Amino acid sequence: MIRIVACGTLKEKWMKEACQDYTKRIQNYEAIEVVEVEDEKASEKNSDAQNEMVKEKEGQRILKRIKEDEYVILLDLAGKPMDSIHLAQHLEQLPVYGHSRVTFVIGGSLGVSKALIARANLRWKLSDNTFPHQLCRIFVLEQIYRSFKIRRNEPYHK
């Protein structure tokens, strides 16, 4: 079972359609669930302390949706970079070590709380670039789908 727990909702129609498309493709290989948690409103005028409070609130909402037995891959700019092949290999090895439930976590626009970082089994740096967290959901779904194609030596368009 694969889960994505994401902070915020997708607003643009094209983003929703892309996520639905990749979710449908992934379901041919494994069950997948996408869970959205409410994001916290944050003014650009917030102090650092206020931004930390926003991350803590969002982090608590996310942590409530993660089960104890789940292997958590947190998207994090300070995480470990992995290309598609390494991600596929990593996901393939998880069941060998007793991890049948994998949850990808996408935090809010300000980042993630320290508690969420502490809960993560792996911190994954998706890219050196910065993307909107909503767009990251599409990228993560695409990489999950690609990992199944790689693991099964199936062709994938380039």
N, C-alpha and C. Protein backbone atom coordinates (compact mmCIF):
# COMPACT_ATOMS: atom_id res chain seq x y z
N MET A 1 0.85 -1.19 0.00
CA MET A 1 0.00 0.00 0.00
C MET A 1 0.88 1.24 0.00
N ILE A 2 0.56 2.15 -0.87
CA ILE A 2 1.26 3.43 -0.95
C ILE A 2 0.26 4.52 -0.59
N ARG A 3 0.74 5.44 0.22
CA ARG A 3 -0.08 6.60 0.58
C ARG A 3 0.72 7.86 0.34
N ILE A 4 0.01 8.91 0.00
CA ILE A 4 0.59 10.24 -0.04
C ILE A 4 -0.24 11.08 0.91
N VAL A 5 0.42 11.67 1.88
CA VAL A 5 -0.24 12.60 2.78
C VAL A 5 0.31 13.97 2.44
N ALA A 6 -0.57 14.83 1.98
CA ALA A 6 -0.15 16.14 1.47
C ALA A 6 -0.88 17.26 2.18
N CYS A 7 -0.16 18.30 2.44
CA CYS A 7 -0.72 19.49 3.07
C CYS A 7 -1.33 20.37 1.98
N GLY A 8 -2.60 20.68 2.13
CA GLY A 8 -3.28 21.55 1.17
C GLY A 8 -4.02 20.76 0.11
N THR A 9 -4.88 21.46 -0.59
CA THR A 9 -5.67 20.85 -1.65
C THR A 9 -5.20 21.38 -3.00
N LEU A 10 -5.45 20.57 -4.00
CA LEU A 10 -5.13 21.01 -5.37
C LEU A 10 -6.26 21.91 -5.85
N LYS A 11 -5.90 23.04 -6.38
CA LYS A 11 -6.92 24.00 -6.81
C LYS A 11 -7.14 24.00 -8.32
N GLU A 12 -6.07 23.87 -9.07
CA GLU A 12 -6.18 23.93 -10.52
C GLU A 12 -6.66 22.60 -11.09
N LYS A 13 -7.54 22.69 -12.06
CA LYS A 13 -8.13 21.51 -12.69
C LYS A 13 -7.06 20.61 -13.30
N TRP A 14 -6.09 21.21 -13.98
CA TRP A 14 -5.07 20.40 -14.66
C TRP A 14 -4.23 19.61 -13.66
N MET A 15 -3.98 20.19 -12.47
CA MET A 15 -3.24 19.46 -11.44
C MET A 15 -4.04 18.27 -10.93
N LYS A 16 -5.33 18.49 -10.69
CA LYS A 16 -6.20 17.40 -10.23
C LYS A 16 -6.24 16.27 -11.26
N GLU A 17 -6.36 16.65 -12.53
CA GLU A 17 -6.42 15.65 -13.60
C GLU A 17 -5.11 14.86 -13.70
N ALA A 18 -3.98 15.55 -13.58
CA ALA A 18 -2.69 14.86 -13.64
C ALA A 18 -2.55 13.88 -12.48
N CYS A 19 -2.94 14.29 -11.29
CA CYS A 19 -2.87 13.40 -10.12
C CYS A 19 -3.80 12.21 -10.28
N GLN A 20 -4.99 12.45 -10.78
CA GLN A 20 -5.93 11.35 -11.00
C GLN A 20 -5.39 10.36 -12.03
N ASP A 21 -4.76 10.88 -13.07
CA ASP A 21 -4.20 10.02 -14.11
C ASP A 21 -3.09 9.12 -13.54
N TYR A 22 -2.14 9.71 -12.81
CA TYR A 22 -1.06 8.91 -12.25
C TYR A 22 -1.57 7.96 -11.17
N THR A 23 -2.53 8.37 -10.39
CA THR A 23 -3.11 7.49 -9.38
C THR A 23 -3.74 6.27 -10.04
N LYS A 24 -4.46 6.49 -11.11
CA LYS A 24 -5.08 5.39 -11.85
C LYS A 24 -4.02 4.44 -12.42
N ARG A 25 -2.94 4.98 -12.94
CA ARG A 25 -1.86 4.15 -13.48
C ARG A 25 -1.21 3.32 -12.38
N ILE A 26 -0.96 3.95 -11.24
CA ILE A 26 -0.31 3.25 -10.12
C ILE A 26 -1.19 2.12 -9.60
N GLN A 27 -2.50 2.31 -9.61
CA GLN A 27 -3.43 1.30 -9.10
C GLN A 27 -3.35 -0.01 -9.87
N ASN A 28 -2.79 0.03 -11.07
CA ASN A 28 -2.56 -1.22 -11.82
C ASN A 28 -1.47 -2.07 -11.18
N TYR A 29 -0.65 -1.45 -10.32
CA TYR A 29 0.46 -2.13 -9.68
C TYR A 29 0.23 -2.34 -8.18
N GLU A 30 -0.33 -1.35 -7.54
CA GLU A 30 -0.49 -1.41 -6.09
C GLU A 30 -1.56 -0.42 -5.65
N ALA A 31 -2.17 -0.72 -4.52
CA ALA A 31 -3.18 0.19 -3.96
C ALA A 31 -2.51 1.50 -3.56
N ILE A 32 -3.20 2.59 -3.83
CA ILE A 32 -2.67 3.92 -3.49
C ILE A 32 -3.80 4.78 -2.95
N GLU A 33 -3.44 5.59 -1.98
CA GLU A 33 -4.40 6.51 -1.38
C GLU A 33 -3.72 7.87 -1.26
N VAL A 34 -4.46 8.93 -1.59
CA VAL A 34 -3.96 10.28 -1.42
C VAL A 34 -4.83 10.95 -0.36
N VAL A 35 -4.16 11.44 0.68
CA VAL A 35 -4.84 12.08 1.81
C VAL A 35 -4.41 13.53 1.86
N GLU A 36 -5.38 14.42 1.88
CA GLU A 36 -5.09 15.84 2.00
C GLU A 36 -5.41 16.30 3.41
N VAL A 37 -4.52 17.09 3.97
CA VAL A 37 -4.78 17.72 5.27
C VAL A 37 -4.82 19.23 5.04
N GLU A 38 -5.58 19.89 5.88
CA GLU A 38 -5.74 21.33 5.74
C GLU A 38 -4.41 22.05 5.96
N ASP A 39 -4.14 23.00 5.06
CA ASP A 39 -2.96 23.83 5.28
C ASP A 39 -3.36 25.05 6.10
N GLU A 40 -2.40 25.60 6.76
CA GLU A 40 -2.59 26.74 7.65
C GLU A 40 -2.35 28.02 6.85
N LYS A 41 -3.20 28.99 7.04
CA LYS A 41 -2.99 30.28 6.36
C LYS A 41 -1.77 30.97 6.98
N ALA A 42 -0.91 31.50 6.11
CA ALA A 42 0.31 32.15 6.60
C ALA A 42 0.57 33.41 5.78
N SER A 43 0.64 34.50 6.47
CA SER A 43 0.93 35.78 5.83
C SER A 43 2.43 35.87 5.50
N GLU A 44 2.73 36.57 4.44
CA GLU A 44 4.15 36.79 4.11
C GLU A 44 4.81 37.69 5.14
N LYS A 45 4.00 38.34 5.98
CA LYS A 45 4.52 39.23 7.02
C LYS A 45 4.75 38.50 8.34
N ASN A 46 4.51 37.19 8.35
CA ASN A 46 4.71 36.41 9.57
C ASN A 46 6.15 36.50 10.06
N SER A 47 6.31 36.47 11.36
CA SER A 47 7.65 36.38 11.95
C SER A 47 8.12 34.93 11.82
N ASP A 48 9.39 34.70 12.08
CA ASP A 48 9.92 33.33 12.06
C ASP A 48 9.17 32.46 13.06
N ALA A 49 8.87 33.01 14.23
CA ALA A 49 8.14 32.26 15.26
C ALA A 49 6.74 31.90 14.79
N GLN A 50 6.07 32.81 14.11
CA GLN A 50 4.73 32.52 13.58
C GLN A 50 4.80 31.44 12.50
N ASN A 51 5.82 31.51 11.65
CA ASN A 51 5.99 30.48 10.62
C ASN A 51 6.25 29.12 11.24
N GLU A 52 7.02 29.07 12.32
CA GLU A 52 7.26 27.81 13.02
C GLU A 52 5.95 27.24 13.58
N MET A 53 5.09 28.11 14.08
CA MET A 53 3.79 27.67 14.60
C MET A 53 2.93 27.09 13.47
N VAL A 54 2.99 27.72 12.31
CA VAL A 54 2.25 27.20 11.14
C VAL A 54 2.75 25.80 10.80
N LYS A 55 4.06 25.63 10.74
CA LYS A 55 4.63 24.31 10.43
C LYS A 55 4.26 23.28 11.49
N GLU A 56 4.24 23.68 12.75
CA GLU A 56 3.86 22.76 13.83
C GLU A 56 2.41 22.31 13.69
N LYS A 57 1.50 23.24 13.40
CA LYS A 57 0.08 22.90 13.25
C LYS A 57 -0.12 21.96 12.07
N GLU A 58 0.51 22.30 10.94
CA GLU A 58 0.39 21.43 9.77
C GLU A 58 1.02 20.07 10.05
N GLY A 59 2.17 20.07 10.73
CA GLY A 59 2.85 18.83 11.07
C GLY A 59 1.99 17.92 11.94
N GLN A 60 1.29 18.50 12.91
CA GLN A 60 0.42 17.70 13.77
C GLN A 60 -0.73 17.09 12.97
N ARG A 61 -1.29 17.85 12.05
CA ARG A 61 -2.36 17.32 11.20
C ARG A 61 -1.86 16.14 10.37
N ILE A 62 -0.65 16.29 9.84
CA ILE A 62 -0.07 15.21 9.02
C ILE A 62 0.23 14.00 9.89
N LEU A 63 0.85 14.21 11.03
CA LEU A 63 1.22 13.10 11.91
C LEU A 63 0.00 12.29 12.36
N LYS A 64 -1.13 12.94 12.52
CA LYS A 64 -2.36 12.24 12.91
C LYS A 64 -2.82 11.27 11.82
N ARG A 65 -2.38 11.50 10.59
CA ARG A 65 -2.81 10.67 9.46
C ARG A 65 -1.80 9.56 9.13
N ILE A 66 -0.70 9.51 9.87
CA ILE A 66 0.33 8.49 9.63
C ILE A 66 0.19 7.40 10.68
N LYS A 67 0.12 6.17 10.21
CA LYS A 67 0.02 5.03 11.12
C LYS A 67 1.41 4.62 11.59
N GLU A 68 1.44 3.97 12.74
CA GLU A 68 2.71 3.61 13.37
C GLU A 68 3.56 2.68 12.51
N ASP A 69 2.90 1.78 11.75
CA ASP A 69 3.65 0.78 10.97
C ASP A 69 4.05 1.26 9.58
N GLU A 70 3.81 2.51 9.26
CA GLU A 70 4.13 3.02 7.93
C GLU A 70 5.58 3.48 7.84
N TYR A 71 6.17 3.20 6.71
CA TYR A 71 7.50 3.70 6.39
C TYR A 71 7.29 5.07 5.74
N VAL A 72 7.85 6.11 6.32
CA VAL A 72 7.57 7.48 5.89
C VAL A 72 8.73 8.05 5.10
N ILE A 73 8.41 8.47 3.88
CA ILE A 73 9.36 9.18 3.04
C ILE A 73 8.89 10.63 2.97
N LEU A 74 9.68 11.50 3.58
CA LEU A 74 9.34 12.91 3.69
C LEU A 74 10.05 13.70 2.60
N LEU A 75 9.29 14.47 1.83
CA LEU A 75 9.93 15.37 0.88
C LEU A 75 10.53 16.53 1.65
N ASP A 76 11.82 16.73 1.45
CA ASP A 76 12.55 17.68 2.28
C ASP A 76 13.72 18.24 1.48
N LEU A 77 13.81 19.55 1.41
CA LEU A 77 14.92 20.18 0.69
C LEU A 77 16.27 19.80 1.27
N ALA A 78 16.29 19.41 2.54
CA ALA A 78 17.54 18.99 3.18
C ALA A 78 17.71 17.48 3.15
N GLY A 79 16.89 16.80 2.37
CA GLY A 79 16.93 15.35 2.33
C GLY A 79 17.96 14.80 1.37
N LYS A 80 17.90 13.49 1.20
CA LYS A 80 18.83 12.77 0.33
C LYS A 80 18.31 12.79 -1.11
N PRO A 81 19.14 13.24 -2.04
CA PRO A 81 18.70 13.19 -3.44
C PRO A 81 18.74 11.74 -3.95
N MET A 82 17.74 11.38 -4.73
CA MET A 82 17.69 10.05 -5.36
C MET A 82 17.15 10.21 -6.76
N ASP A 83 17.82 9.59 -7.72
CA ASP A 83 17.27 9.58 -9.06
C ASP A 83 16.19 8.50 -9.14
N SER A 84 15.56 8.39 -10.28
CA SER A 84 14.43 7.47 -10.45
C SER A 84 14.82 6.02 -10.20
N ILE A 85 15.99 5.63 -10.67
CA ILE A 85 16.43 4.24 -10.50
C ILE A 85 16.67 3.93 -9.03
N HIS A 86 17.31 4.84 -8.31
CA HIS A 86 17.56 4.60 -6.88
C HIS A 86 16.26 4.58 -6.08
N LEU A 87 15.31 5.43 -6.44
CA LEU A 87 14.02 5.40 -5.76
C LEU A 87 13.33 4.06 -6.01
N ALA A 88 13.35 3.60 -7.25
CA ALA A 88 12.74 2.31 -7.58
C ALA A 88 13.38 1.19 -6.78
N GLN A 89 14.70 1.18 -6.70
CA GLN A 89 15.42 0.15 -5.93
C GLN A 89 15.06 0.23 -4.45
N HIS A 90 14.99 1.44 -3.92
CA HIS A 90 14.66 1.62 -2.51
C HIS A 90 13.25 1.09 -2.22
N LEU A 91 12.30 1.46 -3.05
CA LEU A 91 10.92 1.00 -2.85
C LEU A 91 10.81 -0.52 -2.99
N GLU A 92 11.60 -1.08 -3.87
CA GLU A 92 11.57 -2.53 -4.07
C GLU A 92 12.10 -3.27 -2.84
N GLN A 93 13.06 -2.68 -2.13
CA GLN A 93 13.66 -3.32 -0.96
C GLN A 93 12.81 -3.22 0.30
N LEU A 94 11.93 -2.25 0.38
CA LEU A 94 11.19 -2.02 1.62
C LEU A 94 10.40 -3.24 2.11
N PRO A 95 9.67 -3.96 1.26
CA PRO A 95 8.94 -5.13 1.76
C PRO A 95 9.87 -6.23 2.32
N VAL A 96 11.08 -6.30 1.80
CA VAL A 96 12.05 -7.28 2.29
C VAL A 96 12.34 -7.03 3.77
N TYR A 97 12.29 -5.77 4.16
CA TYR A 97 12.57 -5.38 5.55
C TYR A 97 11.29 -5.17 6.36
N GLY A 98 10.18 -5.68 5.85
CA GLY A 98 8.93 -5.66 6.60
C GLY A 98 8.12 -4.39 6.47
N HIS A 99 8.41 -3.59 5.47
CA HIS A 99 7.66 -2.34 5.28
C HIS A 99 6.72 -2.49 4.09
N SER A 100 5.49 -2.89 4.36
CA SER A 100 4.53 -3.07 3.28
C SER A 100 3.69 -1.82 3.04
N ARG A 101 3.75 -0.88 3.96
CA ARG A 101 3.00 0.38 3.83
C ARG A 101 3.99 1.54 3.76
N VAL A 102 3.96 2.25 2.63
CA VAL A 102 4.88 3.36 2.42
C VAL A 102 4.05 4.63 2.27
N THR A 103 4.44 5.64 3.03
CA THR A 103 3.74 6.92 2.98
C THR A 103 4.71 8.02 2.60
N PHE A 104 4.38 8.71 1.53
CA PHE A 104 5.12 9.89 1.11
C PHE A 104 4.43 11.10 1.73
N VAL A 105 5.21 11.98 2.33
CA VAL A 105 4.65 13.17 2.98
C VAL A 105 5.13 14.42 2.27
N ILE A 106 4.16 15.26 1.90
CA ILE A 106 4.45 16.54 1.27
C ILE A 106 3.92 17.62 2.21
N GLY A 107 4.83 18.37 2.78
CA GLY A 107 4.46 19.41 3.74
C GLY A 107 3.89 20.63 3.07
N GLY A 108 3.66 21.65 3.86
CA GLY A 108 3.11 22.90 3.37
C GLY A 108 4.14 23.79 2.71
N SER A 109 3.70 24.96 2.32
CA SER A 109 4.56 25.88 1.57
C SER A 109 5.72 26.43 2.39
N LEU A 110 5.62 26.37 3.72
CA LEU A 110 6.70 26.89 4.56
C LEU A 110 7.71 25.82 4.96
N GLY A 111 7.41 24.58 4.61
CA GLY A 111 8.29 23.48 5.03
C GLY A 111 7.58 22.59 6.03
N VAL A 112 8.36 21.85 6.80
CA VAL A 112 7.78 20.86 7.72
C VAL A 112 8.31 21.05 9.14
N SER A 113 7.56 20.52 10.08
CA SER A 113 7.91 20.65 11.49
C SER A 113 9.04 19.71 11.87
N LYS A 114 9.67 20.02 13.00
CA LYS A 114 10.73 19.16 13.52
C LYS A 114 10.17 17.78 13.89
N ALA A 115 8.94 17.74 14.39
CA ALA A 115 8.32 16.46 14.75
C ALA A 115 8.13 15.58 13.52
N LEU A 116 7.77 16.18 12.42
CA LEU A 116 7.59 15.43 11.18
C LEU A 116 8.93 14.93 10.65
N ILE A 117 9.95 15.75 10.76
CA ILE A 117 11.30 15.32 10.36
C ILE A 117 11.74 14.14 11.21
N ALA A 118 11.46 14.22 12.50
CA ALA A 118 11.85 13.13 13.41
C ALA A 118 11.12 11.84 13.08
N ARG A 119 9.88 11.93 12.59
CA ARG A 119 9.09 10.73 12.28
C ARG A 119 9.52 10.06 10.97
N ALA A 120 10.15 10.82 10.10
CA ALA A 120 10.50 10.31 8.77
C ALA A 120 11.53 9.19 8.86
N ASN A 121 11.31 8.16 8.06
CA ASN A 121 12.30 7.10 7.91
C ASN A 121 13.35 7.49 6.86
N LEU A 122 12.92 8.29 5.91
CA LEU A 122 13.81 8.76 4.84
C LEU A 122 13.37 10.17 4.47
N ARG A 123 14.34 11.05 4.34
CA ARG A 123 14.08 12.40 3.86
C ARG A 123 14.59 12.47 2.43
N TRP A 124 13.67 12.73 1.50
CA TRP A 124 13.98 12.69 0.07
C TRP A 124 13.97 14.10 -0.50
N LYS A 125 15.08 14.48 -1.10
CA LYS A 125 15.18 15.75 -1.81
C LYS A 125 14.81 15.49 -3.26
N LEU A 126 13.67 15.96 -3.65
CA LEU A 126 13.16 15.72 -5.00
C LEU A 126 14.01 16.40 -6.06
N SER A 127 14.53 17.59 -5.74
CA SER A 127 15.29 18.35 -6.73
C SER A 127 16.07 19.45 -6.03
N ASP A 128 17.07 19.97 -6.71
CA ASP A 128 17.76 21.15 -6.21
C ASP A 128 16.90 22.40 -6.41
N ASN A 129 15.93 22.30 -7.29
CA ASN A 129 15.02 23.41 -7.54
C ASN A 129 13.92 23.43 -6.49
N THR A 130 13.30 24.56 -6.35
CA THR A 130 12.17 24.70 -5.44
C THR A 130 10.90 24.74 -6.28
N PHE A 131 9.91 23.92 -5.89
CA PHE A 131 8.64 23.87 -6.61
C PHE A 131 7.50 24.12 -5.63
N PRO A 132 6.36 24.58 -6.14
CA PRO A 132 5.19 24.68 -5.28
C PRO A 132 4.84 23.29 -4.75
N HIS A 133 4.45 23.21 -3.48
CA HIS A 133 4.18 21.89 -2.90
C HIS A 133 3.06 21.16 -3.62
N GLN A 134 2.14 21.90 -4.24
CA GLN A 134 1.07 21.24 -4.99
C GLN A 134 1.61 20.56 -6.25
N LEU A 135 2.57 21.20 -6.89
CA LEU A 135 3.18 20.61 -8.08
C LEU A 135 4.01 19.39 -7.70
N CYS A 136 4.60 19.41 -6.52
CA CYS A 136 5.39 18.28 -6.05
C CYS A 136 4.55 17.00 -5.99
N ARG A 137 3.28 17.14 -5.70
CA ARG A 137 2.42 15.95 -5.63
C ARG A 137 2.38 15.23 -6.98
N ILE A 138 2.31 16.00 -8.06
CA ILE A 138 2.32 15.40 -9.39
C ILE A 138 3.67 14.72 -9.64
N PHE A 139 4.75 15.40 -9.28
CA PHE A 139 6.09 14.82 -9.47
C PHE A 139 6.25 13.52 -8.68
N VAL A 140 5.78 13.50 -7.47
CA VAL A 140 5.91 12.30 -6.63
C VAL A 140 5.10 11.15 -7.23
N LEU A 141 3.88 11.43 -7.64
CA LEU A 141 3.06 10.37 -8.26
C LEU A 141 3.73 9.84 -9.52
N GLU A 142 4.28 10.75 -10.32
CA GLU A 142 4.96 10.31 -11.54
C GLU A 142 6.16 9.44 -11.20
N GLN A 143 6.92 9.80 -10.19
CA GLN A 143 8.11 9.02 -9.81
C GLN A 143 7.71 7.66 -9.22
N ILE A 144 6.62 7.59 -8.50
CA ILE A 144 6.13 6.30 -8.00
C ILE A 144 5.74 5.41 -9.18
N TYR A 145 5.00 5.98 -10.13
CA TYR A 145 4.61 5.22 -11.31
C TYR A 145 5.85 4.76 -12.09
N ARG A 146 6.79 5.67 -12.28
CA ARG A 146 8.01 5.33 -13.00
C ARG A 146 8.78 4.22 -12.29
N SER A 147 8.78 4.23 -10.96
CA SER A 147 9.50 3.21 -10.21
C SER A 147 8.91 1.82 -10.46
N PHE A 148 7.58 1.73 -10.58
CA PHE A 148 6.98 0.44 -10.91
C PHE A 148 7.39 -0.01 -12.30
N LYS A 149 7.42 0.91 -13.25
CA LYS A 149 7.84 0.56 -14.61
C LYS A 149 9.30 0.09 -14.63
N ILE A 150 10.16 0.78 -13.89
CA ILE A 150 11.58 0.41 -13.82
C ILE A 150 11.73 -0.97 -13.19
N ARG A 151 11.05 -1.19 -12.08
CA ARG A 151 11.18 -2.45 -11.35
C ARG A 151 10.71 -3.66 -12.16
N ARG A 152 9.80 -3.42 -13.09
CA ARG A 152 9.28 -4.52 -13.92
C ARG A 152 9.87 -4.53 -15.32
N ASN A 153 10.88 -3.70 -15.54
CA ASN A 153 11.52 -3.59 -16.85
C ASN A 153 10.52 -3.34 -17.96
N GLU A 154 9.53 -2.53 -17.67
CA GLU A 154 8.53 -2.18 -18.67
C GLU A 154 8.94 -0.87 -19.33
N PRO A 155 8.58 -0.72 -20.60
CA PRO A 155 8.95 0.53 -21.30
C PRO A 155 8.19 1.72 -20.71
N TYR A 156 8.86 2.84 -20.73
CA TYR A 156 8.27 4.09 -20.27
C TYR A 156 8.72 5.17 -21.22
N HIS A 157 7.79 5.99 -21.65
CA HIS A 157 8.16 7.05 -22.61
C HIS A 157 9.18 7.99 -21.98
N LYS A 158 10.01 8.51 -22.83
CA LYS A 158 11.07 9.42 -22.35
C LYS A 158 10.78 10.84 -22.72
